[in-house]
Protein backbone atom coordinates (compact mmCIF):
# COMPACT_ATOMS: atom_id res chain seq x y z
CA MET A 1 -15.61 -7.98 35.87
CA ASN A 2 -15.41 -11.72 35.23
CA LEU A 3 -12.68 -13.94 34.08
CA ARG A 4 -14.09 -14.15 30.56
CA TYR A 5 -13.67 -10.22 30.49
CA PHE A 6 -9.83 -10.70 31.35
CA LYS A 7 -9.46 -13.33 28.61
CA ASN A 8 -10.99 -11.12 26.06
CA VAL A 9 -8.94 -8.21 27.09
CA ARG A 10 -5.73 -10.32 26.56
CA SER A 11 -6.99 -11.60 23.23
CA VAL A 12 -7.73 -7.97 21.90
CA THR A 13 -4.31 -6.60 23.40
CA ILE A 14 -2.32 -9.23 21.84
CA ALA A 15 -3.80 -8.53 18.45
CA LEU A 16 -3.51 -4.77 18.71
CA VAL A 17 0.31 -4.74 20.02
CA VAL A 18 1.18 -7.27 17.19
CA VAL A 19 -0.16 -5.14 14.57
CA THR A 20 1.40 -1.71 16.13
CA ALA A 21 4.68 -3.31 16.68
CA ILE A 22 4.75 -4.34 12.93
CA ALA A 23 4.09 -0.62 12.13
CA ALA A 24 6.76 0.43 14.59
CA ALA A 25 9.32 -1.85 13.24
CA THR A 26 8.78 -0.58 9.72
CA TYR A 27 8.22 3.25 10.30
CA ALA A 28 10.31 3.72 13.57
CA THR A 29 13.04 1.25 14.65
CA PRO A 30 13.29 -2.41 15.52
CA LEU A 31 14.21 -1.34 19.16
CA SER A 32 10.88 0.75 19.30
CA ALA A 33 8.73 -2.32 18.33
CA LEU A 34 10.63 -4.45 20.93
CA GLY A 35 9.89 -2.07 23.57
CA LEU A 36 6.33 -2.03 22.74
CA LEU A 37 6.06 -5.79 22.91
CA ALA A 38 7.98 -6.06 26.05
CA GLY A 39 5.64 -3.60 27.90
CA ALA A 40 2.76 -5.07 26.68
CA ALA A 41 3.90 -8.70 27.70
CA TRP A 42 4.72 -7.25 31.02
CA SER A 43 1.57 -5.64 31.58
CA LEU A 44 -0.36 -8.83 30.29
CA VAL A 45 1.73 -11.32 32.78
CA ASN A 46 0.76 -8.49 35.39
CA LEU A 47 -2.79 -8.91 34.69
CA ALA A 48 -2.62 -12.58 34.53
CA LEU A 49 -1.14 -12.62 38.25
CA LEU A 50 -3.68 -10.22 39.25
CA GLU A 51 -6.44 -12.60 37.92
CA ILE A 52 -5.01 -15.34 39.99
CA LEU A 53 -4.65 -13.37 43.12
CA ILE A 54 -8.38 -12.37 42.98
CA VAL A 55 -9.66 -15.70 42.44
CA ALA A 56 -7.53 -16.82 45.27
CA LEU A 57 -8.54 -14.18 47.83
CA LEU A 58 -12.04 -14.64 46.71
CA THR A 59 -12.18 -18.46 46.87
CA PRO A 60 -14.79 -19.21 49.84
CA GLY A 61 -14.74 -21.82 52.74
CA ALA A 62 -12.28 -24.34 53.35
CA ALA A 63 -10.73 -23.95 49.76
CA SER A 64 -9.27 -20.68 50.91
CA ALA A 65 -6.62 -22.40 52.60
CA ARG A 66 -5.48 -24.31 49.60
CA ALA A 67 -5.38 -21.03 47.74
CA LEU A 68 -2.65 -19.60 50.01
CA PRO A 69 0.13 -20.81 48.03
CA ARG A 70 -1.30 -19.27 44.88
CA VAL A 71 -1.57 -16.01 46.57
CA ALA A 72 1.99 -16.27 47.67
CA TRP A 73 2.95 -17.32 44.18
CA ALA A 74 1.10 -14.35 42.46
CA LEU A 75 2.44 -11.87 44.91
CA GLY A 76 6.45 -13.29 44.38
CA GLY A 77 5.63 -12.93 40.71
CA MET A 78 4.75 -9.26 40.84
CA ALA A 79 7.97 -8.56 42.88
CA LEU A 80 10.07 -10.33 39.98
CA LEU A 81 7.91 -8.18 37.78
CA LEU A 82 8.98 -5.13 39.31
CA LEU A 83 12.49 -6.05 39.29
CA GLY A 84 12.21 -6.91 35.40
CA LEU A 85 10.61 -3.54 34.99
CA ALA A 86 13.64 -1.84 36.44
CA TRP A 87 15.91 -3.84 33.80
CA LEU A 88 13.65 -2.79 30.87
CA LEU A 89 13.61 1.06 31.52
CA PHE A 90 17.18 1.05 31.29
CA HIS A 91 17.67 -0.89 28.16
CA LEU A 92 14.66 -0.27 25.95
CA PRO A 93 13.11 3.14 24.82
CA ALA A 94 10.85 4.55 27.68
CA LEU A 95 8.18 5.93 25.60
CA TRP A 96 7.52 2.65 23.67
CA LEU A 97 7.45 0.66 27.09
CA VAL A 98 4.82 3.05 28.44
CA ALA A 99 2.73 2.56 25.38
CA GLY A 100 3.00 -1.31 25.80
CA PHE A 101 2.32 -0.96 29.55
CA SER A 102 -0.85 1.05 28.40
CA ALA A 103 -2.16 -1.10 25.90
CA PRO A 104 -4.49 -3.29 28.15
CA LEU A 105 -5.60 0.01 30.16
CA ALA A 106 -6.60 1.25 26.74
CA VAL A 107 -8.41 -1.93 25.44
CA ILE A 108 -10.59 -1.87 28.78
CA VAL A 109 -11.26 1.81 28.23
CA LEU A 110 -12.28 1.27 24.74
CA LYS A 111 -14.41 -1.76 25.44
CA ALA A 112 -16.18 0.15 28.35
CA ALA A 113 -16.82 3.08 25.85
CA SER A 114 -17.90 0.67 23.33
CA SER A 115 -20.28 -1.05 25.42
CA ALA A 116 -21.64 2.22 26.76
CA LEU A 117 -22.23 3.46 23.26
CA LEU A 118 -23.80 0.42 21.86
CA GLU A 119 -26.45 0.38 24.62
CA SER A 120 -27.39 4.12 24.20
CA GLY A 121 -30.39 5.10 22.48
CA ALA A 122 -28.54 7.31 20.08
CA TRP A 123 -26.76 4.17 18.63
CA ARG A 124 -30.02 2.10 18.29
CA ALA A 125 -31.59 5.18 16.40
CA LEU A 126 -28.44 5.22 14.14
CA ALA A 127 -28.35 1.46 13.62
CA LYS A 128 -32.21 1.53 12.47
CA SER A 129 -31.14 3.20 9.12
CA PRO A 130 -28.34 1.76 7.07
CA TRP A 131 -28.31 5.01 5.02
CA ARG A 132 -27.78 6.97 8.22
CA ALA A 133 -25.20 4.95 9.37
CA ALA A 134 -23.27 4.92 6.20
CA ALA A 135 -23.49 8.83 6.08
CA VAL A 136 -22.08 8.93 9.54
CA VAL A 137 -19.22 6.39 8.73
CA ALA A 138 -18.28 8.57 5.54
CA ALA A 139 -18.38 11.94 7.64
CA LEU A 140 -15.96 9.99 10.19
CA ILE A 141 -13.74 9.17 7.26
CA LEU A 142 -13.67 12.48 5.77
CA THR A 143 -13.32 14.09 9.20
CA ALA A 144 -10.05 12.00 9.96
CA TRP A 145 -8.65 12.82 6.43
CA TRP A 146 -8.79 16.48 7.23
CA LEU A 147 -7.52 16.14 10.68
CA LEU A 148 -4.33 14.52 9.41
CA PRO A 149 -1.31 16.65 10.05
CA ALA A 150 -1.20 18.78 6.56
CA ARG A 151 2.63 19.37 7.43
CA SER A 152 3.24 15.64 7.56
CA LEU A 153 1.20 15.05 4.29
CA GLY A 154 2.97 17.72 2.62
CA GLN A 155 6.25 16.75 3.24
CA ARG A 156 5.58 13.00 2.27
CA ALA A 157 3.99 14.42 -0.91
CA ASP A 158 7.02 16.61 -1.62
CA SER A 159 9.35 13.56 -1.05
CA ALA A 160 7.16 11.56 -3.39
CA ALA A 161 6.85 14.15 -6.07
CA GLY A 162 10.86 14.80 -5.81
CA ALA A 163 11.20 11.10 -6.38
CA HIS A 164 9.21 11.28 -9.63
CA GLY A 165 10.86 14.37 -10.98
CA ASP A 166 8.34 16.61 -9.41
CA SER A 167 5.65 15.75 -11.85
CA ALA A 168 2.11 15.77 -10.80
CA VAL A 169 0.85 13.97 -13.63
CA ARG A 170 2.27 10.74 -15.23
CA ASP A 171 2.59 11.05 -19.14
CA ALA A 172 -0.40 9.00 -20.66
CA PRO A 173 -0.57 7.30 -23.88
CA GLY A 174 -3.82 9.07 -24.87
CA LEU A 175 -2.01 12.53 -24.68
CA THR A 176 1.49 11.70 -25.65
CA THR A 177 3.27 10.13 -28.68
CA ALA A 178 5.22 6.75 -28.27
CA ALA A 179 8.09 8.15 -29.77
CA HIS A 180 8.76 11.65 -28.45
CA GLY A 181 6.39 11.90 -25.33
CA GLU A 182 4.90 14.99 -26.82
CA ALA A 183 1.20 16.28 -26.49
CA PRO A 184 0.03 17.70 -29.72
CA GLY A 185 -1.71 21.10 -29.35
CA ALA A 186 -5.01 22.25 -31.12
CA ALA A 187 -3.06 23.50 -34.10
CA GLY A 188 -1.25 20.08 -34.37
CA GLU A 189 2.11 21.73 -33.15
CA PRO A 190 3.64 19.82 -30.01
CA ALA A 191 3.26 21.54 -26.77
CA ALA A 192 6.29 22.32 -24.61
CA LYS A 193 7.00 19.68 -21.86
CA ALA A 194 6.90 20.76 -18.28
CA GLU A 195 10.08 20.97 -16.39
CA GLY A 196 10.96 17.59 -14.74
CA GLU A 197 8.21 15.81 -16.68
CA ASP A 198 8.98 12.00 -17.06
CA GLU A 199 10.04 11.21 -20.78
CA GLY A 200 7.86 8.50 -22.67
CA SER A 201 4.44 6.86 -21.53
CA ASP A 202 3.91 5.68 -18.03
CA LYS A 203 0.08 4.81 -17.06
CA PHE A 204 -3.01 6.00 -18.55
CA PRO A 205 -4.27 9.50 -16.59
CA ASN A 206 -6.84 8.98 -13.89
CA VAL A 207 -9.14 11.29 -12.21
CA ILE A 208 -6.86 11.86 -9.37
CA THR A 209 -3.84 12.82 -11.72
CA LEU A 210 -6.17 15.07 -13.65
CA ILE A 211 -7.13 16.85 -10.33
CA THR A 212 -3.49 17.08 -9.36
CA ALA A 213 -2.59 18.74 -12.85
CA ALA A 214 -5.22 21.43 -12.53
CA ASN A 215 -4.15 22.31 -8.93
CA HIS A 216 -0.43 22.04 -9.70
CA GLY A 217 1.47 23.33 -6.72
CA ALA A 218 -0.99 23.04 -4.05
CA ARG A 219 0.01 21.13 -1.06
CA TRP A 220 -3.36 19.29 -0.87
CA ALA A 221 -2.99 18.16 -4.49
CA LYS A 222 0.44 16.59 -3.92
CA ALA A 223 -0.97 14.89 -0.76
CA LEU A 224 -3.87 13.51 -2.88
CA HIS A 225 -1.45 12.27 -5.45
CA PHE A 226 0.82 10.67 -2.84
CA TRP A 227 -2.34 8.72 -1.34
CA GLU A 228 -3.54 7.84 -4.67
CA PRO A 229 -3.52 3.91 -4.49
CA ILE A 230 -5.14 3.98 -1.05
CA VAL A 231 -8.08 6.53 -2.30
CA PHE A 232 -8.72 4.16 -5.23
CA SER A 233 -8.74 1.14 -2.93
CA LEU A 234 -11.02 2.72 -0.44
CA ALA A 235 -13.28 3.78 -3.50
CA VAL A 236 -13.47 -0.11 -4.66
CA GLY A 237 -14.21 -1.11 -1.03
CA LEU A 238 -17.09 1.48 -0.85
CA LEU A 239 -18.30 0.39 -4.14
CA VAL A 240 -18.28 -3.35 -3.33
CA CYS A 241 -20.07 -2.65 -0.08
CA ILE A 242 -22.89 -0.70 -1.81
CA THR A 243 -23.22 -3.38 -4.55
CA GLY A 244 -23.69 -6.09 -1.72
CA PHE A 245 -26.17 -3.96 0.26
CA VAL A 246 -28.19 -3.26 -2.76
CA ALA A 247 -27.90 -7.00 -3.83
CA SER A 248 -29.03 -8.31 -0.38
CA ARG A 249 -31.62 -5.29 0.77
CA ASN A 250 -34.62 -6.84 -0.49
CA PRO A 251 -34.17 -10.51 -1.19
CA LYS A 252 -36.91 -12.11 -3.18
CA MET A 253 -37.99 -15.85 -3.80
CA ILE A 254 -37.66 -15.07 -7.57
CA PRO A 255 -34.30 -13.16 -7.44
CA GLY A 256 -33.65 -10.41 -10.08
CA GLY A 257 -30.42 -9.83 -12.09
CA LEU A 258 -28.15 -8.39 -9.36
CA GLN A 259 -29.38 -10.74 -6.53
CA ASN A 260 -29.10 -13.56 -8.61
CA GLY A 261 -25.52 -12.77 -9.87
CA ALA A 262 -24.38 -12.23 -6.07
CA GLU A 263 -26.09 -15.47 -4.98
CA MET A 264 -24.62 -17.51 -7.82
CA LEU A 265 -21.16 -15.74 -6.88
CA VAL A 266 -21.47 -16.67 -3.36
CA GLU A 267 -22.62 -20.22 -3.96
CA LYS A 268 -19.77 -20.87 -6.27
CA LEU A 269 -17.25 -19.54 -3.98
CA TYR A 270 -18.55 -21.34 -0.84
CA GLU A 271 -18.69 -24.60 -2.89
CA PHE A 272 -14.99 -24.08 -4.03
CA VAL A 273 -13.72 -23.34 -0.59
CA GLY A 274 -15.65 -26.12 0.95
CA GLY A 275 -14.05 -28.54 -1.41
CA ILE A 276 -10.54 -27.50 -0.13
CA LEU A 277 -11.26 -26.96 3.51
CA GLY A 278 -14.35 -29.14 4.26
CA HIS A 279 -17.95 -27.75 4.72
CA GLU A 280 -17.38 -27.29 8.40
CA ASN A 281 -14.54 -25.29 7.98
CA ALA A 282 -15.92 -23.24 5.04
CA ARG A 283 -18.46 -21.47 7.38
CA ARG A 284 -15.64 -20.29 9.49
CA PHE A 285 -13.34 -19.15 6.78
CA PHE A 286 -15.60 -18.37 3.81
CA PRO A 287 -16.05 -14.70 5.00
CA LEU A 288 -12.64 -13.93 4.93
CA LEU A 289 -11.77 -15.66 1.68
CA GLY A 290 -14.86 -14.79 -0.40
CA THR A 291 -14.17 -11.09 0.58
CA LEU A 292 -10.44 -11.49 -0.74
CA PHE A 293 -11.70 -12.79 -4.11
CA VAL A 294 -14.46 -10.09 -4.73
CA TYR A 295 -12.44 -7.19 -3.43
CA ILE A 296 -9.16 -8.23 -5.55
CA PHE A 297 -11.19 -8.76 -8.49
CA ALA A 298 -12.73 -5.59 -8.28
CA MET A 299 -9.64 -3.80 -7.77
CA ASN A 300 -8.19 -5.60 -10.75
CA LEU A 301 -11.00 -4.52 -13.02
CA PHE A 302 -11.13 -0.92 -11.60
CA GLY A 303 -8.54 -0.03 -13.95
CA LEU A 304 -10.49 -0.69 -16.86
CA LEU A 305 -12.66 2.00 -16.22
CA PRO A 306 -12.15 5.34 -17.93
CA LEU A 307 -10.23 7.54 -15.57
CA MET A 308 -9.71 5.16 -12.86
CA ASP A 309 -6.69 2.94 -11.76
CA SER A 310 -6.11 -0.56 -10.51
CA PRO A 311 -5.05 -0.25 -6.85
CA THR A 312 -3.47 -3.69 -7.30
CA SER A 313 -1.07 -2.17 -9.51
CA ASN A 314 0.72 -0.51 -6.49
CA LEU A 315 2.84 -2.89 -4.29
CA ASN A 316 1.99 -1.29 -1.20
CA ILE A 317 -1.58 -2.40 -1.53
CA THR A 318 -0.68 -5.88 -2.69
CA PHE A 319 1.53 -6.17 0.17
CA ALA A 320 -0.95 -5.15 2.72
CA LEU A 321 -3.10 -7.98 1.18
CA GLY A 322 -0.45 -10.69 1.68
CA LEU A 323 0.29 -9.29 5.28
CA THR A 324 -3.24 -9.74 6.18
CA VAL A 325 -3.39 -13.17 4.92
CA PHE A 326 -0.03 -13.81 6.68
CA VAL A 327 -1.11 -12.54 9.89
CA TYR A 328 -4.46 -14.34 9.83
CA VAL A 329 -2.97 -17.84 8.97
CA GLN A 330 -0.61 -17.44 11.94
CA TYR A 331 -3.52 -16.52 14.19
CA VAL A 332 -5.47 -19.60 12.69
CA GLY A 333 -2.38 -22.08 13.56
CA ILE A 334 -1.63 -20.72 17.13
CA ARG A 335 -5.55 -20.66 17.93
CA GLY A 336 -6.14 -24.21 16.58
CA LEU A 337 -2.99 -25.79 17.43
CA GLY A 338 -2.02 -23.89 20.66
CA ILE A 339 1.54 -22.44 21.36
CA VAL A 340 2.98 -25.83 21.88
CA GLY A 341 1.08 -27.35 18.88
CA TYR A 342 2.19 -24.47 16.70
CA VAL A 343 5.89 -24.73 17.74
CA ASP A 344 5.70 -28.56 17.04
CA HIS A 345 4.05 -27.75 13.66
CA MET A 346 7.26 -25.41 12.76
CA LEU A 347 9.75 -28.09 13.87
CA GLY A 348 8.09 -30.47 11.35
CA SER A 349 6.23 -32.47 14.10
CA PRO A 350 9.28 -34.76 14.96
CA ARG A 351 7.90 -38.19 16.51
CA ASP A 352 11.07 -40.24 16.40
CA VAL A 353 14.83 -39.70 16.77
CA LEU A 354 15.26 -38.66 13.11
CA GLY A 355 12.63 -36.36 13.31
CA TRP A 356 14.19 -34.56 16.45
CA MET A 357 17.49 -34.60 14.63
CA VAL A 358 16.49 -32.67 11.57
CA ALA A 359 14.01 -30.54 13.63
CA PRO A 360 16.63 -27.43 14.02
CA LEU A 361 17.01 -27.82 10.38
CA MET A 362 13.13 -27.80 9.72
CA PHE A 363 12.35 -24.71 11.97
CA PRO A 364 14.30 -22.16 10.10
CA ILE A 365 13.24 -23.56 6.91
CA HIS A 366 9.41 -23.30 7.91
CA LEU A 367 10.09 -20.00 9.43
CA MET A 368 11.34 -18.65 6.00
CA GLY A 369 8.55 -20.40 4.20
CA GLU A 370 6.04 -18.59 6.20
CA LEU A 371 7.90 -15.33 5.78
CA ALA A 372 8.04 -15.66 2.11
CA LYS A 373 4.30 -16.27 1.51
CA PRO A 374 2.99 -12.71 1.90
CA ILE A 375 6.02 -11.45 -0.34
CA SER A 376 5.21 -14.26 -3.09
CA LEU A 377 1.30 -13.10 -2.67
CA SER A 378 2.06 -9.36 -3.05
CA CYS A 379 4.78 -9.43 -5.94
CA ARG A 380 2.49 -12.32 -7.96
CA LEU A 381 -0.57 -10.01 -8.00
CA PHE A 382 1.53 -6.74 -8.27
CA GLY A 383 3.59 -7.94 -11.24
CA ASN A 384 0.72 -9.47 -13.29
CA VAL A 385 -1.64 -6.44 -12.95
CA PHE A 386 0.98 -3.93 -13.66
CA GLY A 387 2.43 -5.80 -16.50
CA GLU A 388 -1.35 -6.05 -17.89
CA ASP A 389 -1.61 -2.13 -17.47
CA MET A 390 1.80 -1.64 -19.15
CA LEU A 391 0.53 -3.94 -22.00
CA LEU A 392 -2.51 -1.87 -22.54
CA VAL A 393 -0.35 1.64 -22.38
CA GLY A 394 2.17 0.10 -24.94
CA PHE A 395 -0.38 -0.82 -27.44
CA ALA A 396 -2.32 2.50 -26.86
CA SER A 397 0.99 4.46 -27.47
CA LEU A 398 1.57 2.19 -30.61
CA GLY A 399 -1.97 3.30 -31.95
CA ILE A 400 -1.13 6.84 -31.54
CA GLY A 401 2.07 6.76 -33.04
CA MET A 402 0.69 5.02 -36.22
CA LEU A 403 -1.43 8.33 -36.88
CA SER A 404 1.39 10.66 -35.79
CA PHE A 405 2.10 11.57 -39.51
CA ALA A 406 -1.33 13.24 -39.71
CA HIS A 407 -0.93 15.15 -36.66
CA SER A 408 -4.21 13.35 -35.20
CA PRO A 409 -5.07 14.10 -31.53
CA VAL A 410 -6.46 10.60 -31.45
CA GLY A 411 -5.08 7.08 -32.47
CA ILE A 412 -6.08 3.75 -33.26
CA PRO A 413 -7.19 1.87 -30.21
CA LEU A 414 -4.99 -1.13 -30.58
CA HIS A 415 -5.26 -1.73 -26.84
CA ALA A 416 -8.93 -2.41 -26.85
CA ILE A 417 -8.15 -6.06 -28.29
CA PHE A 418 -6.53 -6.85 -25.15
CA PHE A 419 -9.54 -6.02 -22.96
CA PRO A 420 -10.85 -9.85 -22.89
CA LEU A 421 -7.48 -10.80 -22.07
CA ALA A 422 -7.22 -8.32 -19.05
CA LEU A 423 -10.61 -9.45 -18.01
CA LEU A 424 -9.26 -12.85 -17.88
CA THR A 425 -6.17 -12.35 -16.26
CA SER A 426 -7.77 -10.26 -13.56
CA THR A 427 -10.03 -13.16 -12.67
CA LEU A 428 -7.25 -15.48 -12.76
CA GLN A 429 -5.06 -13.34 -10.22
CA ALA A 430 -7.80 -12.90 -7.95
CA PHE A 431 -8.49 -16.53 -8.12
CA VAL A 432 -5.00 -17.63 -7.42
CA PHE A 433 -4.63 -15.22 -4.47
CA THR A 434 -7.83 -16.90 -2.87
CA VAL A 435 -6.64 -20.47 -3.79
CA LEU A 436 -3.03 -19.95 -2.12
CA SER A 437 -4.82 -18.29 0.96
CA THR A 438 -7.04 -21.12 1.41
CA ILE A 439 -4.51 -23.60 1.35
CA TYR A 440 -2.14 -21.64 3.62
CA ILE A 441 -5.24 -22.02 6.05
CA LEU A 442 -5.63 -25.52 5.36
CA LEU A 443 -1.93 -26.19 6.22
CA MET A 444 -2.38 -24.52 9.40
CA LEU A 445 -5.45 -26.50 10.82
CA PRO A 446 -4.96 -29.40 13.13
CA HIS A 447 -3.76 -32.52 11.36
CA GLU A 448 -6.60 -34.68 12.68
CA GLU A 449 -8.94 -32.30 10.74
CA HIS A 450 -6.79 -33.13 7.72
CA GLY A 451 -7.35 -36.82 8.17
CA HIS A 452 -11.09 -36.24 8.40
CA GLU A 453 -11.41 -34.33 5.22
CA GLU A 454 -9.41 -36.88 3.33
CA GLY A 455 -11.85 -39.54 4.86
CA ALA A 456 -14.80 -37.74 3.99
CA GLN A 457 -13.47 -37.17 0.58
CA HIS A 458 -12.82 -40.91 0.05
CA ALA A 459 -16.32 -41.81 1.40
CA HIS A 460 -17.88 -39.60 -1.28
């Protein structure tokens, strides 16, 4: 176990604990998140002191005498850590502290298990066939889905259904009239509305709402309705992965339609990102930024397909995307600038007396600006896609209402004229999200890289 191994364990532990603490603060209590962070920090400091102690004890020859102060310093630090542990146990939740303490150990165990798995013959046999690997991943996802506590899912689904009037299926403009929200029967007579059903039109019906309506009252159907945006987002991600795999599976010198389109999209996106970040940084950040554009663009368009829905019309999905960008931008800033440089950046990089005078004011301004970024990203994307869906629903309802006097089960497809507009806005929103994410990353890069890129642009 070398020093690089300790460094990797620290990096993975910090990332794991930060994400878990955000989830704990959201779904548990802020004190629980604080306990988790404190426990992990204690364990990481103890690991660092243990590293110093091991290096000092293993120092050979005459250098071992000079290592004695480091041994004493490490042992003294461990003693102080024990006192700090006693204080933490009395002031923070013990269960979350234990979880934080165990985080580095869990990372070490997982790294050892993954190393053993990657070196096994079964893994090599599995990795030889992409289809076999995809089948195993799909099986694991389905297994995890069915192993989720049914009681917890049922309770969440019941609460969600109660918030929506205990309605499994939202009224659809293709099935309801705009004026009365009534569905005409086979003989032209309006059917009776279900108890608790929402009045008026909401969104187009999709395959999940139809399945839920066919199994109304089933616990699994309510759970499926509750997790509807996540199911659609996973379906879009799987579709994008399959498309990318098929496009790159057998590359040819004279590409076909799918390969040509994929290569052109990647080339244009790479040139665009390189124009903002510079081609040196584009190689580093393009995988994330290119994936963001393609994934968001696909999710925006997914709702235009029959019986499908756009996951980005749900604020939970868009906020998850914005939070991902926020965490990655902070990671880029801390890794590129260092802790001191990151704090200096948040203070406005003061270099004179006036700069240090306004530094206490600049820090909260920069902090609020960083916290506002995921909110602005998520709300902008959600509002535009949701508004686009409501526009299509409204005109579809108007088209049905125009033929209501004839008791027709269908209407005039007025909403079809807005499909080109929906295609344009879906592309623009994915583009705007990607551009803003690229700019946020650029603002976090070291200043000398900014100057280098500006000089390169002037040279060209």
